Amino acid sequence: MVTKEEVKHLSWLSRFDLSDEELSKYTAQIEQIISYLDKLDSMPLENVEPVKAKKNLADLRNDQATNFAGEVLGTKYRKDGFVKAPRMV
């Protein structure tokens, strides 16, 4: 069972401030998620076939590198070869 103190600690680690109402809400939601994961853990998987890819890697196109002659997104290059971008404020 998940306690409110554990959820409060998780919120502190995540730097979230939770109200008492949010704390109760998230505690119940986390408890539901964990119970669902427990159900998934208890499912027998001995006779389940693994999922296989529908496409072979050989069927994919070959990647070929080509030089790009245009401007990158309309930006201008500086003399030192770097891209000039707007100033971050």
Protein backbone atom coordinates (compact mmCIF):
# COMPACT_ATOMS: atom_id res chain seq x y z
CA MET A 1 0.00 0.00 0.00
CA VAL A 2 1.22 3.48 -0.89
CA THR A 3 1.09 6.02 1.90
CA LYS A 4 0.62 9.77 1.68
CA GLU A 5 4.06 10.21 3.25
CA GLU A 6 5.64 8.25 0.38
CA VAL A 7 3.84 10.36 -2.22
CA LYS A 8 4.81 13.50 -0.32
CA HIS A 9 8.44 12.35 -0.38
CA LEU A 10 8.22 11.66 -4.14
CA SER A 11 6.76 15.11 -4.70
CA TRP A 12 9.59 16.63 -2.68
CA LEU A 13 12.16 14.72 -4.75
CA SER A 14 10.43 15.92 -7.93
CA ARG A 15 10.24 19.49 -6.63
CA PHE A 16 6.44 19.57 -6.80
CA ASP A 17 4.33 21.30 -4.19
CA LEU A 18 1.14 19.31 -3.66
CA SER A 19 -1.92 20.40 -1.76
CA ASP A 20 -3.64 17.96 0.62
CA GLU A 21 -6.33 17.34 -2.01
CA GLU A 22 -3.73 16.59 -4.70
CA LEU A 23 -1.82 14.39 -2.29
CA SER A 24 -4.92 12.25 -1.65
CA LYS A 25 -5.76 12.12 -5.35
CA TYR A 26 -2.26 11.08 -6.45
CA THR A 27 -1.92 8.54 -3.64
CA ALA A 28 -5.08 6.78 -4.87
CA GLN A 29 -3.93 6.96 -8.50
CA ILE A 30 -0.49 5.55 -7.73
CA GLU A 31 -2.10 2.77 -5.72
CA GLN A 32 -4.30 1.88 -8.72
CA ILE A 33 -1.30 1.86 -11.06
CA ILE A 34 0.66 -0.43 -8.75
CA SER A 35 -2.28 -2.83 -8.40
CA TYR A 36 -2.57 -2.95 -12.20
CA LEU A 37 1.15 -3.70 -12.50
CA ASP A 38 0.75 -6.45 -9.90
CA LYS A 39 -1.95 -8.01 -12.11
CA LEU A 40 0.39 -7.89 -15.09
CA ASP A 41 3.17 -9.49 -13.05
CA SER A 42 0.91 -12.39 -12.08
CA MET A 43 -0.02 -13.29 -15.69
CA PRO A 44 1.47 -16.61 -16.86
CA LEU A 45 3.68 -16.11 -19.91
CA GLU A 46 5.15 -19.58 -20.37
CA ASN A 47 3.14 -20.40 -23.52
CA VAL A 48 3.16 -16.94 -25.10
CA GLU A 49 5.03 -16.61 -28.38
CA PRO A 50 7.34 -13.59 -28.66
CA VAL A 51 6.21 -10.81 -30.99
CA LYS A 52 8.20 -10.71 -34.20
CA ALA A 53 8.84 -7.70 -36.39
CA LYS A 54 6.64 -7.58 -39.47
CA LYS A 55 9.40 -6.09 -41.60
CA ASN A 56 12.88 -7.44 -42.15
CA LEU A 57 15.77 -5.04 -41.78
CA ALA A 58 16.83 -5.96 -45.31
CA ASP A 59 13.53 -4.52 -46.63
CA LEU A 60 14.31 -1.05 -45.30
CA ARG A 61 15.83 1.56 -47.57
CA ASN A 62 19.56 2.13 -47.59
CA ASP A 63 20.63 5.34 -45.90
CA GLN A 64 23.08 7.30 -47.99
CA ALA A 65 24.78 10.45 -46.77
CA THR A 66 24.66 13.43 -49.13
CA ASN A 67 26.03 16.94 -48.79
CA PHE A 68 23.50 19.71 -48.26
CA ALA A 69 24.22 22.79 -50.34
CA GLY A 70 21.49 25.10 -49.00
CA GLU A 71 21.22 27.17 -45.85
CA VAL A 72 20.25 25.36 -42.68
CA LEU A 73 16.75 26.59 -41.78
CA GLY A 74 17.53 29.97 -43.29
CA THR A 75 20.30 30.74 -40.80
CA LYS A 76 23.55 32.49 -41.64
CA TYR A 77 26.98 31.09 -40.93
CA ARG A 78 29.54 33.22 -39.14
CA LYS A 79 33.15 33.50 -40.28
CA ASP A 80 34.22 30.85 -37.73
CA GLY A 81 31.80 28.27 -39.23
CA PHE A 82 29.20 28.34 -36.47
CA VAL A 83 25.52 29.11 -37.01
CA LYS A 84 24.36 32.51 -35.77
CA ALA A 85 21.17 32.24 -33.74
CA PRO A 86 19.02 34.81 -31.95
CA ARG A 87 20.30 35.95 -28.57
CA MET A 88 18.78 34.16 -25.56
CA VAL A 89 17.53 36.61 -22.94
